Amino acid sequence: MARFILHETIINASVDEVWNELIAIEDWKWNRWTKLKADNPTEGVKGKLLASIEGDDTWKEYDFTFGRVSESEHLLTWRAVLGPKIACFLVITRCSSRKWMIAGRN
């Protein structure tokens, strides 16, 4: 059975500040659960996803590929396969000047 996770966050920062933190994948110090290792966040670029299910710095590594990435729309997507029957994707996009939506499915 597929599960869908939706999370909305209100961030007290400008859209440009948030986008710059999000797109700087080499420095996701704000994210305890996910790290993306790739040359750059561009559609089709492949890399390694590091996942810490508990957020405790215990990491497992998986292959991932960037989906659509658009600075003008403030949109970052990627997808990964975490096992023989587990696939996931993540979409992060701006809903308004202070609200961001993170949606995932596995």
Protein backbone atom coordinates (compact mmCIF):
# COMPACT_ATOMS: atom_id res chain seq x y z
CA MET A 1 0.00 0.00 0.00
CA ALA A 2 1.37 3.41 -0.95
CA ARG A 3 1.70 6.04 1.74
CA PHE A 4 1.60 9.75 1.14
CA ILE A 5 3.25 12.26 3.47
CA LEU A 6 2.43 15.96 3.30
CA HIS A 7 4.08 18.58 5.44
CA GLU A 8 3.66 22.34 5.28
CA THR A 9 6.12 24.65 7.02
CA ILE A 10 5.92 28.38 7.62
CA ILE A 11 9.43 29.83 7.59
CA ASN A 12 10.30 33.28 8.84
CA ALA A 13 12.63 34.12 5.96
CA SER A 14 12.43 35.52 2.47
CA VAL A 15 11.74 33.24 -0.48
CA ASP A 16 15.26 33.85 -1.79
CA GLU A 17 16.84 32.93 1.58
CA VAL A 18 14.90 29.67 1.76
CA TRP A 19 15.55 28.79 -1.88
CA ASN A 20 19.29 29.40 -1.45
CA GLU A 21 19.40 27.03 1.56
CA LEU A 22 17.34 24.41 -0.24
CA ILE A 23 19.29 24.42 -3.49
CA ALA A 24 22.67 24.29 -1.65
CA ILE A 25 22.49 20.49 -1.37
CA GLU A 26 26.12 20.23 -0.27
CA ASP A 27 25.20 21.92 3.05
CA TRP A 28 21.85 20.64 4.30
CA LYS A 29 22.76 21.11 7.98
CA TRP A 30 19.08 21.95 8.60
CA ASN A 31 17.96 18.45 7.56
CA ARG A 32 18.59 15.64 10.09
CA TRP A 33 16.97 12.95 7.93
CA THR A 34 18.14 13.45 4.35
CA LYS A 35 21.36 14.41 2.58
CA LEU A 36 21.75 14.58 -1.20
CA LYS A 37 25.18 14.05 -2.77
CA ALA A 38 25.33 15.08 -6.44
CA ASP A 39 27.27 17.39 -8.73
CA ASN A 40 24.40 19.86 -8.93
CA PRO A 41 20.62 19.99 -8.50
CA THR A 42 19.58 19.72 -12.15
CA GLU A 43 16.87 17.55 -13.69
CA GLY A 44 18.24 14.14 -14.64
CA VAL A 45 21.38 14.39 -12.51
CA LYS A 46 22.00 11.21 -10.51
CA GLY A 47 23.51 11.07 -7.06
CA LYS A 48 23.47 9.39 -3.67
CA LEU A 49 20.72 9.88 -1.12
CA LEU A 50 21.77 9.46 2.49
CA ALA A 51 18.78 8.66 4.71
CA SER A 52 18.66 8.69 8.51
CA ILE A 53 15.25 7.24 9.34
CA GLU A 54 15.47 8.25 13.01
CA GLY A 55 17.41 11.49 12.46
CA ASP A 56 20.20 10.09 14.66
CA ASP A 57 23.15 10.34 12.22
CA THR A 58 22.86 6.65 11.29
CA TRP A 59 22.86 6.83 7.49
CA LYS A 60 21.94 4.43 4.71
CA GLU A 61 22.89 5.22 1.12
CA TYR A 62 20.62 4.91 -1.94
CA ASP A 63 20.72 6.03 -5.56
CA PHE A 64 18.50 8.97 -6.51
CA THR A 65 17.78 11.17 -9.52
CA PHE A 66 16.67 14.78 -9.58
CA GLY A 67 13.29 15.35 -11.18
CA ARG A 68 12.09 18.78 -12.18
CA VAL A 69 14.06 21.68 -10.68
CA SER A 70 12.91 25.25 -11.31
CA GLU A 71 14.31 28.35 -9.62
CA SER A 72 11.56 30.56 -11.08
CA GLU A 73 8.89 28.29 -9.56
CA HIS A 74 10.97 27.50 -6.45
CA LEU A 75 10.53 23.78 -7.16
CA LEU A 76 12.91 20.93 -6.28
CA THR A 77 12.00 17.28 -6.88
CA TRP A 78 13.90 14.02 -6.63
CA ARG A 79 13.11 10.31 -6.61
CA ALA A 80 14.83 7.25 -5.18
CA VAL A 81 14.32 3.51 -4.78
CA LEU A 82 14.97 2.42 -1.19
CA GLY A 83 14.45 -1.29 -1.70
CA PRO A 84 12.83 -3.89 -3.96
CA LYS A 85 9.32 -2.68 -3.10
CA ILE A 86 10.01 0.79 -1.73
CA ALA A 87 10.24 3.84 -3.97
CA CYS A 88 9.92 7.43 -2.88
CA PHE A 89 9.85 10.89 -4.29
CA LEU A 90 9.96 14.32 -2.75
CA VAL A 91 8.60 17.61 -3.99
CA ILE A 92 9.47 20.85 -2.25
CA THR A 93 7.75 23.95 -3.53
CA ARG A 94 6.74 27.41 -2.38
CA CYS A 95 3.04 27.91 -1.68
CA SER A 96 3.25 31.57 -0.70
CA SER A 97 5.85 34.08 0.46
CA ARG A 98 6.32 32.29 3.81
CA LYS A 99 4.83 28.83 3.34
CA TRP A 100 6.58 25.84 1.77
CA MET A 101 5.09 22.45 1.04
CA ILE A 102 7.06 19.23 1.29
CA ALA A 103 5.25 16.24 -0.15
CA GLY A 104 6.56 12.72 -0.36
CA ARG A 105 5.31 9.29 -1.21
CA ASN A 106 6.73 5.87 -0.57
